[in-house]
Amino acid sequence: MPAKSKKYIWAYIISTLFVIIVGCILFSLINTTREPAQIEVEKNQSAVDKGYKYLVKEVGGKINVFETGKNQPIEILDKPTNILPEYDQKLLKEGIYLENIEQLDRLLEDYDD
């Protein structure tokens, strides 16, 4: 194999490794800087069966609070969702289920500064 081809192969390997390492570092940084309001929920069971009492969800660009299973919000925050971090916007589009009023209060404090 000519020396020139070996140089290209090594350059490709090194650049690929560099991209992988940088990607891993960025992924790690993104995962460690998530907002405290981010709550993960299993979506395989219904919210009522799991004991969730509240649902916080983006509706019409605003944060709406619902009692689980109800269609009318019990509270609508004035803060627009488009100014929130992208991850929180995604969570609010999907809906954040909460078990009790304490969790709801903490979450609303995070969003209502």
Protein backbone atom coordinates (compact mmCIF):
# COMPACT_ATOMS: atom_id res chain seq x y z
CA MET A 1 0.00 0.00 0.00
CA PRO A 2 1.46 3.39 -0.94
CA ALA A 3 2.56 5.73 1.87
CA LYS A 4 0.09 8.37 0.70
CA SER A 5 -2.86 5.97 1.19
CA LYS A 6 -1.66 5.12 4.71
CA LYS A 7 -1.62 8.83 5.58
CA TYR A 8 -5.23 9.20 4.46
CA ILE A 9 -6.31 6.14 6.43
CA TRP A 10 -4.63 7.42 9.59
CA ALA A 11 -6.08 10.90 9.07
CA TYR A 12 -9.54 9.33 8.70
CA ILE A 13 -9.12 7.21 11.85
CA ILE A 14 -7.86 10.14 13.92
CA SER A 15 -10.58 12.50 12.73
CA THR A 16 -13.26 9.85 13.40
CA LEU A 17 -11.98 9.30 16.92
CA PHE A 18 -11.90 13.05 17.50
CA VAL A 19 -15.54 13.40 16.42
CA ILE A 20 -16.60 10.50 18.65
CA ILE A 21 -14.79 11.91 21.69
CA VAL A 22 -16.18 15.43 21.18
CA GLY A 23 -19.68 13.95 20.71
CA CYS A 24 -19.40 11.98 23.96
CA ILE A 25 -18.23 15.07 25.86
CA LEU A 26 -21.07 17.21 24.49
CA PHE A 27 -23.65 14.51 25.26
CA SER A 28 -22.31 14.26 28.80
CA LEU A 29 -22.51 18.02 29.28
CA ILE A 30 -26.06 18.19 27.97
CA ASN A 31 -27.22 15.41 30.29
CA THR A 32 -25.68 17.00 33.39
CA THR A 33 -27.11 20.49 32.79
CA ARG A 34 -30.80 19.62 32.70
CA GLU A 35 -33.20 21.86 34.56
CA PRO A 36 -34.52 20.68 37.97
CA ALA A 37 -38.07 20.78 36.63
CA GLN A 38 -37.43 17.85 34.34
CA ILE A 39 -39.44 14.85 35.44
CA GLU A 40 -39.33 11.54 33.64
CA VAL A 41 -42.57 9.53 33.45
CA GLU A 42 -43.18 6.01 32.26
CA LYS A 43 -45.82 6.21 29.57
CA ASN A 44 -46.90 2.58 29.37
CA GLN A 45 -49.59 2.81 32.06
CA SER A 46 -52.32 5.35 32.39
CA ALA A 47 -51.64 8.31 34.65
CA VAL A 48 -54.66 7.65 36.80
CA ASP A 49 -53.64 4.03 37.41
CA LYS A 50 -50.21 5.20 38.51
CA GLY A 51 -51.70 7.62 41.04
CA TYR A 52 -50.86 10.90 39.31
CA LYS A 53 -53.13 13.73 40.40
CA TYR A 54 -51.89 16.57 38.17
CA LEU A 55 -50.81 17.11 34.60
CA VAL A 56 -48.76 20.15 33.57
CA LYS A 57 -48.84 20.67 29.81
CA GLU A 58 -48.26 23.32 27.17
CA VAL A 59 -51.48 24.44 25.53
CA GLY A 60 -51.56 27.41 23.17
CA GLY A 61 -48.05 28.46 24.11
CA LYS A 62 -48.85 28.69 27.84
CA ILE A 63 -48.30 26.34 30.78
CA ASN A 64 -51.59 24.75 31.82
CA VAL A 65 -52.25 22.75 34.98
CA PHE A 66 -54.90 20.03 34.87
CA GLU A 67 -56.24 17.56 37.36
CA THR A 68 -55.50 14.17 35.82
CA GLY A 69 -58.39 13.00 33.68
CA LYS A 70 -60.02 16.45 33.44
CA ASN A 71 -60.20 18.57 30.29
CA GLN A 72 -60.39 22.05 31.86
CA PRO A 73 -57.19 23.53 33.33
CA ILE A 74 -57.26 24.52 36.99
CA GLU A 75 -54.50 27.08 36.38
CA ILE A 76 -52.83 28.76 33.41
CA LEU A 77 -49.46 30.46 33.88
CA ASP A 78 -48.83 33.71 32.00
CA LYS A 79 -45.26 32.73 31.13
CA PRO A 80 -44.93 31.69 27.46
CA THR A 81 -43.34 28.30 26.91
CA ASN A 82 -41.16 29.43 24.00
CA ILE A 83 -38.79 31.22 26.42
CA LEU A 84 -38.09 28.03 28.37
CA PRO A 85 -35.15 25.71 27.67
CA GLU A 86 -35.77 23.36 24.75
CA TYR A 87 -35.86 20.26 26.97
CA ASP A 88 -38.56 21.78 29.20
CA GLN A 89 -40.56 22.75 26.12
CA LYS A 90 -40.42 19.13 24.96
CA LEU A 91 -41.52 17.85 28.38
CA LEU A 92 -44.41 20.29 28.50
CA LYS A 93 -45.57 19.31 25.02
CA GLU A 94 -45.67 15.66 26.13
CA GLY A 95 -47.09 16.52 29.56
CA ILE A 96 -45.59 16.20 33.03
CA TYR A 97 -47.56 14.04 35.48
CA LEU A 98 -47.26 14.73 39.20
CA GLU A 99 -48.34 12.70 42.22
CA ASN A 100 -49.15 15.45 44.70
CA ILE A 101 -49.53 19.17 45.38
CA GLU A 102 -45.96 19.45 46.71
CA GLN A 103 -44.51 18.26 43.40
CA LEU A 104 -46.84 20.62 41.56
CA ASP A 105 -45.79 23.58 43.71
CA ARG A 106 -42.08 22.83 43.13
CA LEU A 107 -42.56 22.52 39.40
CA LEU A 108 -44.58 25.73 39.14
CA GLU A 109 -41.95 27.60 41.17
CA ASP A 110 -39.36 26.49 38.61
CA TYR A 111 -41.44 27.83 35.74
CA ASP A 112 -42.96 30.90 37.36
CA ASP A 113 -40.00 33.19 38.16
